[in-house]
């Protein structure tokens, strides 16, 4: 992968990571602001189910953020290795 492609994917991963973090913050605010004290038991059960689904989704996204971070590290590692190799080859030629 050439440097232009690496930068494209790095930017794409960073945007995706930011979006996931923003959604997690919205969910956190939503869960803390919403009142579980519903007068009707069916309403409360429905609300608790919705919360459980949201939390499960955010847990998957948390794992995805970890995978994105690993991919970003690999991209940076390749970029660094490529730069080091280029600088060594520059020194080898008079």
C-alpha atoms as a PDB file:
ATOM      1  CA  UNK A   1       0.000   0.000   0.000  1.00  0.00           C
ATOM      2  CA  UNK A   2       1.450   3.342  -0.960  1.00  0.00           C
ATOM      3  CA  UNK A   3       1.628   6.308   1.456  1.00  0.00           C
ATOM      4  CA  UNK A   4      -1.402   8.027  -0.083  1.00  0.00           C
ATOM      5  CA  UNK A   5      -3.577   4.953   0.470  1.00  0.00           C
ATOM      6  CA  UNK A   6      -2.276   4.519   4.022  1.00  0.00           C
ATOM      7  CA  UNK A   7      -3.179   8.121   4.819  1.00  0.00           C
ATOM      8  CA  UNK A   8      -6.633   7.684   3.279  1.00  0.00           C
ATOM      9  CA  UNK A   9      -7.370   4.642   5.444  1.00  0.00           C
ATOM     10  CA  UNK A  10      -5.827   6.256   8.522  1.00  0.00           C
ATOM     11  CA  UNK A  11      -8.156   9.253   8.141  1.00  0.00           C
ATOM     12  CA  UNK A  12     -11.139   6.975   7.496  1.00  0.00           C
ATOM     13  CA  UNK A  13     -10.384   4.937  10.632  1.00  0.00           C
ATOM     14  CA  UNK A  14      -9.937   8.080  12.721  1.00  0.00           C
ATOM     15  CA  UNK A  15     -13.301   9.456  11.562  1.00  0.00           C
ATOM     16  CA  UNK A  16     -14.996   6.134  12.278  1.00  0.00           C
ATOM     17  CA  UNK A  17     -13.435   6.010  15.746  1.00  0.00           C
ATOM     18  CA  UNK A  18     -14.588   9.555  16.525  1.00  0.00           C
ATOM     19  CA  UNK A  19     -18.118   8.736  15.378  1.00  0.00           C
ATOM     20  CA  UNK A  20     -18.259   5.663  17.618  1.00  0.00           C
ATOM     21  CA  UNK A  21     -17.009   7.647  20.614  1.00  0.00           C
ATOM     22  CA  UNK A  22     -19.543  10.407  19.956  1.00  0.00           C
ATOM     23  CA  UNK A  23     -22.374   7.841  19.818  1.00  0.00           C
ATOM     24  CA  UNK A  24     -21.152   6.274  23.062  1.00  0.00           C
ATOM     25  CA  UNK A  25     -21.296   9.661  24.788  1.00  0.00           C
ATOM     26  CA  UNK A  26     -24.828  10.251  23.501  1.00  0.00           C
ATOM     27  CA  UNK A  27     -25.898   6.844  24.810  1.00  0.00           C
ATOM     28  CA  UNK A  28     -24.303   7.500  28.175  1.00  0.00           C
ATOM     29  CA  UNK A  29     -26.160  10.807  28.500  1.00  0.00           C
ATOM     30  CA  UNK A  30     -29.387   9.177  27.343  1.00  0.00           C
ATOM     31  CA  UNK A  31     -29.121   6.348  29.866  1.00  0.00           C
ATOM     32  CA  UNK A  32     -28.315   8.639  32.789  1.00  0.00           C
ATOM     33  CA  UNK A  33     -31.060  11.155  31.987  1.00  0.00           C
ATOM     34  CA  UNK A  34     -33.841   8.680  31.375  1.00  0.00           C
ATOM     35  CA  UNK A  35     -35.917   7.780  34.385  1.00  0.00           C
ATOM     36  CA  UNK A  36     -36.531   4.086  35.052  1.00  0.00           C
ATOM     37  CA  UNK A  37     -39.392   4.840  37.438  1.00  0.00           C
ATOM     38  CA  UNK A  38     -42.260   4.031  35.102  1.00  0.00           C
ATOM     39  CA  UNK A  39     -45.695   3.535  36.656  1.00  0.00           C
ATOM     40  CA  UNK A  40     -46.572   0.697  34.299  1.00  0.00           C
ATOM     41  CA  UNK A  41     -44.561  -2.539  34.647  1.00  0.00           C
ATOM     42  CA  UNK A  42     -44.754  -3.208  30.898  1.00  0.00           C
ATOM     43  CA  UNK A  43     -43.323   0.253  30.156  1.00  0.00           C
ATOM     44  CA  UNK A  44     -40.515  -0.283  32.626  1.00  0.00           C
ATOM     45  CA  UNK A  45     -39.696  -3.725  31.215  1.00  0.00           C
ATOM     46  CA  UNK A  46     -39.656  -2.302  27.709  1.00  0.00           C
ATOM     47  CA  UNK A  47     -37.346   0.513  28.799  1.00  0.00           C
ATOM     48  CA  UNK A  48     -34.975  -1.913  30.533  1.00  0.00           C
ATOM     49  CA  UNK A  49     -34.874  -4.069  27.399  1.00  0.00           C
ATOM     50  CA  UNK A  50     -34.062  -1.010  25.299  1.00  0.00           C
ATOM     51  CA  UNK A  51     -31.246  -0.100  27.692  1.00  0.00           C
ATOM     52  CA  UNK A  52     -29.838  -3.633  27.569  1.00  0.00           C
ATOM     53  CA  UNK A  53     -29.819  -3.569  23.764  1.00  0.00           C
ATOM     54  CA  UNK A  54     -28.114  -0.162  23.721  1.00  0.00           C
ATOM     55  CA  UNK A  55     -25.467  -1.344  26.169  1.00  0.00           C
ATOM     56  CA  UNK A  56     -24.824  -4.492  24.166  1.00  0.00           C
ATOM     57  CA  UNK A  57     -24.431  -2.418  21.005  1.00  0.00           C
ATOM     58  CA  UNK A  58     -22.019  -0.027  22.728  1.00  0.00           C
ATOM     59  CA  UNK A  59     -19.996  -2.980  24.024  1.00  0.00           C
ATOM     60  CA  UNK A  60     -19.591  -4.243  20.464  1.00  0.00           C
ATOM     61  CA  UNK A  61     -18.563  -0.754  19.401  1.00  0.00           C
ATOM     62  CA  UNK A  62     -16.047  -0.594  22.257  1.00  0.00           C
ATOM     63  CA  UNK A  63     -14.455  -3.763  20.901  1.00  0.00           C
ATOM     64  CA  UNK A  64     -14.532  -2.255  17.415  1.00  0.00           C
ATOM     65  CA  UNK A  65     -12.718   0.845  18.696  1.00  0.00           C
ATOM     66  CA  UNK A  66     -10.023  -1.440  20.074  1.00  0.00           C
ATOM     67  CA  UNK A  67      -9.699  -3.099  16.658  1.00  0.00           C
ATOM     68  CA  UNK A  68      -9.541   0.310  14.971  1.00  0.00           C
ATOM     69  CA  UNK A  69      -6.764   1.360  17.372  1.00  0.00           C
ATOM     70  CA  UNK A  70      -4.803  -1.787  16.475  1.00  0.00           C
ATOM     71  CA  UNK A  71      -5.224  -1.073  12.758  1.00  0.00           C
ATOM     72  CA  UNK A  72      -4.045   2.511  13.278  1.00  0.00           C
ATOM     73  CA  UNK A  73      -0.980   1.207  15.114  1.00  0.00           C
ATOM     74  CA  UNK A  74      -0.201  -1.132  12.205  1.00  0.00           C
ATOM     75  CA  UNK A  75      -0.550   1.722   9.723  1.00  0.00           C
ATOM     76  CA  UNK A  76       1.784   3.900  11.780  1.00  0.00           C
ATOM     77  CA  UNK A  77       4.232   1.022  12.156  1.00  0.00           C
ATOM     78  CA  UNK A  78       4.332   0.437   8.388  1.00  0.00           C
ATOM     79  CA  UNK A  79       4.757   4.162   7.782  1.00  0.00           C
ATOM     80  CA  UNK A  80       7.639   4.351  10.228  1.00  0.00           C
ATOM     81  CA  UNK A  81       9.302   1.245   8.786  1.00  0.00           C
ATOM     82  CA  UNK A  82       8.939   2.618   5.264  1.00  0.00           C
ATOM     83  CA  UNK A  83      10.490   5.944   6.271  1.00  0.00           C
ATOM     84  CA  UNK A  84      13.377   4.211   8.028  1.00  0.00           C
ATOM     85  CA  UNK A  85      14.029   2.007   5.019  1.00  0.00           C
ATOM     86  CA  UNK A  86      13.934   5.031   2.721  1.00  0.00           C
ATOM     87  CA  UNK A  87      16.371   6.947   4.904  1.00  0.00           C
ATOM     88  CA  UNK A  88      18.771   3.975   4.982  1.00  0.00           C
ATOM     89  CA  UNK A  89      18.613   3.618   1.202  1.00  0.00           C
ATOM     90  CA  UNK A  90      19.307   7.349   0.848  1.00  0.00           C
ATOM     91  CA  UNK A  91      22.443   6.921   2.910  1.00  0.00           C
ATOM     92  CA  UNK A  92      23.612   3.922   0.874  1.00  0.00           C
ATOM     93  CA  UNK A  93      23.791   5.905  -2.356  1.00  0.00           C
ATOM     94  CA  UNK A  94      26.511   8.515  -2.793  1.00  0.00           C
END
